[in-house]
PDB file of N, CA and C in Angstrom:
ATOM      1  N   MET A   1     -21.844-126.126  20.176  1.00  0.00           N
ATOM      2  CA  MET A   1     -20.993-125.416  19.250  1.00  0.00           C
ATOM      3  C   MET A   1     -20.622-126.384  18.117  1.00  0.00           C
ATOM      4  N   THR A   2     -20.815-125.938  16.888  1.00  0.00           N
ATOM      5  CA  THR A   2     -20.492-126.783  15.747  1.00  0.00           C
ATOM      6  C   THR A   2     -18.969-126.833  15.538  1.00  0.00           C
ATOM      7  N   PRO A   3     -18.477-127.861  14.882  1.00  0.00           N
ATOM      8  CA  PRO A   3     -17.039-127.930  14.597  1.00  0.00           C
ATOM      9  C   PRO A   3     -16.562-126.746  13.757  1.00  0.00           C
ATOM     10  N   GLU A   4     -17.397-126.279  12.840  1.00  0.00           N
ATOM     11  CA  GLU A   4     -17.030-125.130  11.996  1.00  0.00           C
ATOM     12  C   GLU A   4     -16.862-123.869  12.843  1.00  0.00           C
ATOM     13  N   TRP A   5     -17.806-123.658  13.759  1.00  0.00           N
ATOM     14  CA  TRP A   5     -17.738-122.485  14.641  1.00  0.00           C
ATOM     15  C   TRP A   5     -16.518-122.595  15.546  1.00  0.00           C
ATOM     16  N   GLN A   6     -16.279-123.763  16.101  1.00  0.00           N
ATOM     17  CA  GLN A   6     -15.127-123.980  16.979  1.00  0.00           C
ATOM     18  C   GLN A   6     -13.825-123.679  16.252  1.00  0.00           C
ATOM     19  N   ALA A   7     -13.723-124.070  14.995  1.00  0.00           N
ATOM     20  CA  ALA A   7     -12.512-123.804  14.210  1.00  0.00           C
ATOM     21  C   ALA A   7     -12.302-122.300  14.030  1.00  0.00           C
ATOM     22  N   LEU A   8     -13.383-121.544  13.784  1.00  0.00           N
ATOM     23  CA  LEU A   8     -13.262-120.091  13.633  1.00  0.00           C
ATOM     24  C   LEU A   8     -12.858-119.421  14.942  1.00  0.00           C
ATOM     25  N   VAL A   9     -13.362-119.922  16.050  1.00  0.00           N
ATOM     26  CA  VAL A   9     -13.022-119.359  17.358  1.00  0.00           C
ATOM     27  C   VAL A   9     -11.557-119.616  17.683  1.00  0.00           C
ATOM     28  N   GLU A  10     -11.087-120.819  17.403  1.00  0.00           N
ATOM     29  CA  GLU A  10      -9.713-121.185  17.737  1.00  0.00           C
ATOM     30  C   GLU A  10      -8.683-120.546  16.808  1.00  0.00           C
ATOM     31  N   SER A  11      -9.054-120.317  15.567  1.00  0.00           N
ATOM     32  CA  SER A  11      -8.149-119.707  14.596  1.00  0.00           C
ATOM     33  C   SER A  11      -8.951-118.696  13.770  1.00  0.00           C
ATOM     34  N   PRO A  12      -9.025-117.463  14.249  1.00  0.00           N
ATOM     35  CA  PRO A  12      -9.911-116.465  13.634  1.00  0.00           C
ATOM     36  C   PRO A  12      -9.371-115.864  12.331  1.00  0.00           C
ATOM     37  N   ASP A  13      -9.298-116.690  11.304  1.00  0.00           N
ATOM     38  CA  ASP A  13      -8.905-116.205   9.981  1.00  0.00           C
ATOM     39  C   ASP A  13     -10.053-115.336   9.470  1.00  0.00           C
ATOM     40  N   LEU A  14      -9.817-114.039   9.340  1.00  0.00           N
ATOM     41  CA  LEU A  14     -10.891-113.103   9.014  1.00  0.00           C
ATOM     42  C   LEU A  14     -11.507-113.355   7.653  1.00  0.00           C
ATOM     43  N   TYR A  15     -10.758-113.914   6.733  1.00  0.00           N
ATOM     44  CA  TYR A  15     -11.303-114.252   5.415  1.00  0.00           C
ATOM     45  C   TYR A  15     -12.313-115.393   5.537  1.00  0.00           C
ATOM     46  N   LYS A  16     -11.994-116.366   6.391  1.00  0.00           N
ATOM     47  CA  LYS A  16     -12.915-117.475   6.617  1.00  0.00           C
ATOM     48  C   LYS A  16     -14.136-117.020   7.421  1.00  0.00           C
ATOM     49  N   VAL A  17     -13.904-116.120   8.361  1.00  0.00           N
ATOM     50  CA  VAL A  17     -15.009-115.574   9.160  1.00  0.00           C
ATOM     51  C   VAL A  17     -15.996-114.851   8.250  1.00  0.00           C
ATOM     52  N   GLN A  18     -15.481-114.024   7.363  1.00  0.00           N
ATOM     53  CA  GLN A  18     -16.339-113.278   6.440  1.00  0.00           C
ATOM     54  C   GLN A  18     -17.031-114.231   5.472  1.00  0.00           C
ATOM     55  N   ALA A  19     -16.316-115.223   4.972  1.00  0.00           N
ATOM     56  CA  ALA A  19     -16.901-116.196   4.050  1.00  0.00           C
ATOM     57  C   ALA A  19     -18.018-116.999   4.721  1.00  0.00           C
ATOM     58  N   ALA A  20     -17.957-117.137   6.046  1.00  0.00           N
ATOM     59  CA  ALA A  20     -18.991-117.854   6.784  1.00  0.00           C
ATOM     60  C   ALA A  20     -20.224-116.984   7.016  1.00  0.00           C
ATOM     61  N   GLY A  21     -20.157-115.713   6.578  1.00  0.00           N
ATOM     62  CA  GLY A  21     -21.327-114.840   6.669  1.00  0.00           C
ATOM     63  C   GLY A  21     -21.290-113.812   7.774  1.00  0.00           C
ATOM     64  N   PHE A  22     -20.168-113.684   8.452  1.00  0.00           N
ATOM     65  CA  PHE A  22     -20.052-112.705   9.535  1.00  0.00           C
ATOM     66  C   PHE A  22     -19.414-111.421   9.022  1.00  0.00           C
ATOM     67  N   ASP A  23     -19.961-110.296   9.421  1.00  0.00           N
ATOM     68  CA  ASP A  23     -19.438-108.994   9.014  1.00  0.00           C
ATOM     69  C   ASP A  23     -18.594-108.335  10.098  1.00  0.00           C
ATOM     70  N   TYR A  24     -18.786-108.751  11.339  1.00  0.00           N
ATOM     71  CA  TYR A  24     -18.100-108.126  12.468  1.00  0.00           C
ATOM     72  C   TYR A  24     -17.593-109.184  13.438  1.00  0.00           C
ATOM     73  N   ILE A  25     -16.542-108.826  14.159  1.00  0.00           N
ATOM     74  CA  ILE A  25     -16.015-109.652  15.244  1.00  0.00           C
ATOM     75  C   ILE A  25     -15.870-108.749  16.458  1.00  0.00           C
ATOM     76  N   TYR A  26     -16.365-109.226  17.574  1.00  0.00           N
ATOM     77  CA  TYR A  26     -16.228-108.517  18.849  1.00  0.00           C
ATOM     78  C   TYR A  26     -15.469-109.441  19.788  1.00  0.00           C
ATOM     79  N   TYR A  27     -14.363-108.964  20.356  1.00  0.00           N
ATOM     80  CA  TYR A  27     -13.586-109.803  21.259  1.00  0.00           C
ATOM     81  C   TYR A  27     -12.982-108.970  22.375  1.00  0.00           C
ATOM     82  N   ASP A  28     -12.583-109.677  23.427  1.00  0.00           N
ATOM     83  CA  ASP A  28     -12.024-108.997  24.591  1.00  0.00           C
ATOM     84  C   ASP A  28     -10.611-109.500  24.891  1.00  0.00           C
ATOM     85  N   ILE A  29     -10.022-108.932  25.923  1.00  0.00           N
ATOM     86  CA  ILE A  29      -8.641-109.255  26.281  1.00  0.00           C
ATOM     87  C   ILE A  29      -8.486-110.728  26.671  1.00  0.00           C
ATOM     88  N   LYS A  30      -9.489-111.303  27.312  1.00  0.00           N
ATOM     89  CA  LYS A  30      -9.394-112.707  27.731  1.00  0.00           C
ATOM     90  C   LYS A  30      -9.302-113.624  26.513  1.00  0.00           C
ATOM     91  N   TYR A  31     -10.107-113.349  25.511  1.00  0.00           N
ATOM     92  CA  TYR A  31     -10.043-114.128  24.276  1.00  0.00           C
ATOM     93  C   TYR A  31      -8.674-113.949  23.627  1.00  0.00           C
ATOM     94  N   TRP A  32      -8.223-112.689  23.509  1.00  0.00           N
ATOM     95  CA  TRP A  32      -6.935-112.349  22.905  1.00  0.00           C
ATOM     96  C   TRP A  32      -5.789-113.089  23.580  1.00  0.00           C
ATOM     97  N   GLU A  33      -5.788-113.096  24.913  1.00  0.00           N
ATOM     98  CA  GLU A  33      -4.693-113.721  25.666  1.00  0.00           C
ATOM     99  C   GLU A  33      -4.663-115.246  25.507  1.00  0.00           C
ATOM    100  N   ASN A  34      -5.786-115.846  25.178  1.00  0.00           N
ATOM    101  CA  ASN A  34      -5.839-117.293  24.999  1.00  0.00           C
ATOM    102  C   ASN A  34      -5.508-117.737  23.580  1.00  0.00           C
ATOM    103  N   LEU A  35      -5.322-116.786  22.675  1.00  0.00           N
ATOM    104  CA  LEU A  35      -4.963-117.106  21.292  1.00  0.00           C
ATOM    105  C   LEU A  35      -3.454-117.263  21.151  1.00  0.00           C
ATOM    106  N   SER A  36      -3.054-118.059  20.196  1.00  0.00           N
ATOM    107  CA  SER A  36      -1.634-118.155  19.869  1.00  0.00           C
ATOM    108  C   SER A  36      -1.195-116.849  19.204  1.00  0.00           C
ATOM    109  N   THR A  37       0.092-116.645  19.114  1.00  0.00           N
ATOM    110  CA  THR A  37       0.629-115.461  18.447  1.00  0.00           C
ATOM    111  C   THR A  37       0.163-115.414  16.993  1.00  0.00           C
ATOM    112  N   GLN A  38       0.108-116.567  16.352  1.00  0.00           N
ATOM    113  CA  GLN A  38      -0.349-116.628  14.961  1.00  0.00           C
ATOM    114  C   GLN A  38      -1.817-116.220  14.852  1.00  0.00           C
ATOM    115  N   SER A  39      -2.643-116.683  15.771  1.00  0.00           N
ATOM    116  CA  SER A  39      -4.063-116.323  15.740  1.00  0.00           C
ATOM    117  C   SER A  39      -4.267-114.842  16.059  1.00  0.00           C
ATOM    118  N   GLN A  40      -3.463-114.299  16.961  1.00  0.00           N
ATOM    119  CA  GLN A  40      -3.537-112.863  17.241  1.00  0.00           C
ATOM    120  C   GLN A  40      -3.211-112.069  15.982  1.00  0.00           C
ATOM    121  N   ALA A  41      -2.223-112.531  15.227  1.00  0.00           N
ATOM    122  CA  ALA A  41      -1.850-111.855  13.980  1.00  0.00           C
ATOM    123  C   ALA A  41      -3.004-111.890  12.978  1.00  0.00           C
ATOM    124  N   LEU A  42      -3.777-112.973  12.965  1.00  0.00           N
ATOM    125  CA  LEU A  42      -4.925-113.055  12.060  1.00  0.00           C
ATOM    126  C   LEU A  42      -5.937-111.947  12.355  1.00  0.00           C
ATOM    127  N   LEU A  43      -6.128-111.641  13.637  1.00  0.00           N
ATOM    128  CA  LEU A  43      -7.079-110.579  14.007  1.00  0.00           C
ATOM    129  C   LEU A  43      -6.570-109.185  13.624  1.00  0.00           C
ATOM    130  N   GLU A  44      -5.294-109.092  13.311  1.00  0.00           N
ATOM    131  CA  GLU A  44      -4.716-107.814  12.912  1.00  0.00           C
ATOM    132  C   GLU A  44      -4.513-107.737  11.399  1.00  0.00           C
ATOM    133  N   SER A  45      -5.229-108.561  10.654  1.00  0.00           N
ATOM    134  CA  SER A  45      -5.129-108.550   9.188  1.00  0.00           C
ATOM    135  C   SER A  45      -5.472-107.156   8.654  1.00  0.00           C
ATOM    136  N   PRO A  46      -4.786-106.717   7.607  1.00  0.00           N
ATOM    137  CA  PRO A  46      -5.013-105.384   7.051  1.00  0.00           C
ATOM    138  C   PRO A  46      -6.440-105.160   6.539  1.00  0.00           C
ATOM    139  N   CYS A  47      -7.147-106.227   6.227  1.00  0.00           N
ATOM    140  CA  CYS A  47      -8.508-106.065   5.702  1.00  0.00           C
ATOM    141  C   CYS A  47      -9.504-105.647   6.782  1.00  0.00           C
ATOM    142  N   ALA A  48      -9.158-105.849   8.047  1.00  0.00           N
ATOM    143  CA  ALA A  48     -10.071-105.531   9.147  1.00  0.00           C
ATOM    144  C   ALA A  48     -10.008-104.054   9.497  1.00  0.00           C
ATOM    145  N   ILE A  49     -11.164-103.498   9.801  1.00  0.00           N
ATOM    146  CA  ILE A  49     -11.258-102.096  10.213  1.00  0.00           C
ATOM    147  C   ILE A  49     -11.710-102.059  11.665  1.00  0.00           C
ATOM    148  N   LEU A  50     -10.927-101.411  12.503  1.00  0.00           N
ATOM    149  CA  LEU A  50     -11.303-101.249  13.898  1.00  0.00           C
ATOM    150  C   LEU A  50     -12.435-100.231  13.976  1.00  0.00           C
ATOM    151  N   VAL A  51     -13.601-100.690  14.367  1.00  0.00           N
ATOM    152  CA  VAL A  51     -14.777 -99.820  14.476  1.00  0.00           C
ATOM    153  C   VAL A  51     -14.761 -99.084  15.809  1.00  0.00           C
ATOM    154  N   GLN A  52     -14.496 -99.839  16.872  1.00  0.00           N
ATOM    155  CA  GLN A  52     -14.495 -99.251  18.210  1.00  0.00           C
ATOM    156  C   GLN A  52     -13.611-100.080  19.122  1.00  0.00           C
ATOM    157  N   GLU A  53     -12.943 -99.403  20.035  1.00  0.00           N
ATOM    158  CA  GLU A  53     -12.144-100.074  21.044  1.00  0.00           C
ATOM    159  C   GLU A  53     -12.390 -99.399  22.379  1.00  0.00           C
ATOM    160  N   TYR A  54     -12.669-100.207  23.384  1.00  0.00           N
ATOM    161  CA  TYR A  54     -12.836 -99.714  24.745  1.00  0.00           C
ATOM    162  C   TYR A  54     -11.671-100.228  25.558  1.00  0.00           C
ATOM    163  N   THR A  55     -11.001 -99.335  26.271  1.00  0.00           N
ATOM    164  CA  THR A  55      -9.865 -99.729  27.084  1.00  0.00           C
ATOM    165  C   THR A  55     -10.075 -99.277  28.515  1.00  0.00           C
ATOM    166  N   GLY A  56      -9.345 -99.894  29.396  1.00  0.00           N
ATOM    167  CA  GLY A  56      -9.419 -99.535  30.805  1.00  0.00           C
ATOM    168  C   GLY A  56      -8.651-100.536  31.626  1.00  0.00           C
ATOM    169  N   TYR A  57      -9.059-100.639  32.891  1.00  0.00           N
ATOM    170  CA  TYR A  57      -8.455-101.598  33.805  1.00  0.00           C
ATOM    171  C   TYR A  57      -9.379-102.794  33.945  1.00  0.00           C
ATOM    172  N   ARG A  58      -8.819-103.910  34.358  1.00  0.00           N
ATOM    173  CA  ARG A  58      -9.612-105.126  34.482  1.00  0.00           C
ATOM    174  C   ARG A  58     -10.589-105.067  35.652  1.00  0.00           C
ATOM    175  N   SER A  59     -10.196-104.443  36.725  1.00  0.00           N
ATOM    176  CA  SER A  59     -11.092-104.307  37.875  1.00  0.00           C
ATOM    177  C   SER A  59     -10.548-103.228  38.800  1.00  0.00           C
ATOM    178  N   GLU A  60     -11.251-103.004  39.881  1.00  0.00           N
ATOM    179  CA  GLU A  60     -10.814-101.994  40.848  1.00  0.00           C
ATOM    180  C   GLU A  60      -9.506-102.366  41.532  1.00  0.00           C
ATOM    181  N   THR A  61      -9.185-103.655  41.534  1.00  0.00           N
ATOM    182  CA  THR A  61      -7.949-104.105  42.187  1.00  0.00           C
ATOM    183  C   THR A  61      -6.925-104.663  41.206  1.00  0.00           C
ATOM    184  N   ASP A  62      -7.295-104.787  39.958  1.00  0.00           N
ATOM    185  CA  ASP A  62      -6.403-105.334  38.925  1.00  0.00           C
ATOM    186  C   ASP A  62      -6.208-104.264  37.862  1.00  0.00           C
ATOM    187  N   TYR A  63      -5.053-103.623  37.884  1.00  0.00           N
ATOM    188  CA  TYR A  63      -4.801-102.488  36.997  1.00  0.00           C
ATOM    189  C   TYR A  63      -4.153-102.872  35.681  1.00  0.00           C
ATOM    190  N   ARG A  64      -4.140-104.169  35.371  1.00  0.00           N
ATOM    191  CA  ARG A  64      -3.637-104.573  34.059  1.00  0.00           C
ATOM    192  C   ARG A  64      -4.598-104.055  32.984  1.00  0.00           C
ATOM    193  N   THR A  65      -4.057-103.834  31.804  1.00  0.00           N
ATOM    194  CA  THR A  65      -4.852-103.312  30.694  1.00  0.00           C
ATOM    195  C   THR A  65      -5.967-104.273  30.321  1.00  0.00           C
ATOM    196  N   ASP A  66      -7.108-103.708  30.043  1.00  0.00           N
ATOM    197  CA  ASP A  66      -8.268-104.462  29.565  1.00  0.00           C
ATOM    198  C   ASP A  66      -8.720-103.792  28.275  1.00  0.00           C
ATOM    199  N   PHE A  67      -9.275-104.573  27.361  1.00  0.00           N
ATOM    200  CA  PHE A  67      -9.857-103.971  26.161  1.00  0.00           C
ATOM    201  C   PHE A  67     -10.944-104.851  25.588  1.00  0.00           C
ATOM    202  N   ARG A  68     -11.769-104.218  24.793  1.00  0.00           N
ATOM    203  CA  ARG A  68     -12.778-104.880  23.972  1.00  0.00           C
ATOM    204  C   ARG A  68     -12.708-104.209  22.610  1.00  0.00           C
ATOM    205  N   ARG A  69     -12.765-105.004  21.553  1.00  0.00           N
ATOM    206  CA  ARG A  69     -12.629-104.454  20.203  1.00  0.00           C
ATOM    207  C   ARG A  69     -13.742-104.974  19.298  1.00  0.00           C
ATOM    208  N   LEU A  70     -14.200-104.093  18.439  1.00  0.00           N
ATOM    209  CA  LEU A  70     -15.162-104.457  17.411  1.00  0.00           C
ATOM    210  C   LEU A  70     -14.487-104.234  16.071  1.00  0.00           C
ATOM    211  N   LEU A  71     -14.370-105.299  15.272  1.00  0.00           N
ATOM    212  CA  LEU A  71     -13.747-105.226  13.954  1.00  0.00           C
ATOM    213  C   LEU A  71     -14.798-105.425  12.869  1.00  0.00           C
ATOM    214  N   ASP A  72     -14.688-104.625  11.829  1.00  0.00           N
ATOM    215  CA  ASP A  72     -15.490-104.782  10.615  1.00  0.00           C
ATOM    216  C   ASP A  72     -14.645-105.634   9.668  1.00  0.00           C
ATOM    217  N   VAL A  73     -15.156-106.805   9.294  1.00  0.00           N
ATOM    218  CA  VAL A  73     -14.393-107.718   8.443  1.00  0.00           C
ATOM    219  C   VAL A  73     -15.003-107.856   7.044  1.00  0.00           C
ATOM    220  N   ARG A  74     -15.874-106.932   6.672  1.00  0.00           N
ATOM    221  CA  ARG A  74     -16.533-107.029   5.358  1.00  0.00           C
ATOM    222  C   ARG A  74     -15.561-106.925   4.200  1.00  0.00           C
ATOM    223  N   ASN A  75     -14.393-106.312   4.391  1.00  0.00           N
ATOM    224  CA  ASN A  75     -13.397-106.208   3.326  1.00  0.00           C
ATOM    225  C   ASN A  75     -12.508-107.441   3.202  1.00  0.00           C
ATOM    226  N   CYS A  76     -12.686-108.403   4.069  1.00  0.00           N
ATOM    227  CA  CYS A  76     -11.836-109.594   4.088  1.00  0.00           C
ATOM    228  C   CYS A  76     -12.414-110.656   3.144  1.00  0.00           C
ATOM    229  N   LYS A  77     -12.237-110.420   1.861  1.00  0.00           N
ATOM    230  CA  LYS A  77     -12.777-111.336   0.852  1.00  0.00           C
ATOM    231  C   LYS A  77     -11.660-111.951   0.048  1.00  0.00           C
TER     232      LYS A  77
END
């Protein structure tokens, strides 16, 4: 993993993600839970469009909420 990629993963500034050439971000609850509150807020930037979200339970024995989200970040310029 390059230092540039690692920086985007640790702090997902959608403007920087888009500037790096990415149009979409796909992430799950595990990634979300490991982010700081500030980084979570970055993923909720107004420029991002939620394309699809899948929700459910984590497993047959773990009924905590689970999700996966696909964001379109092409407007984050």
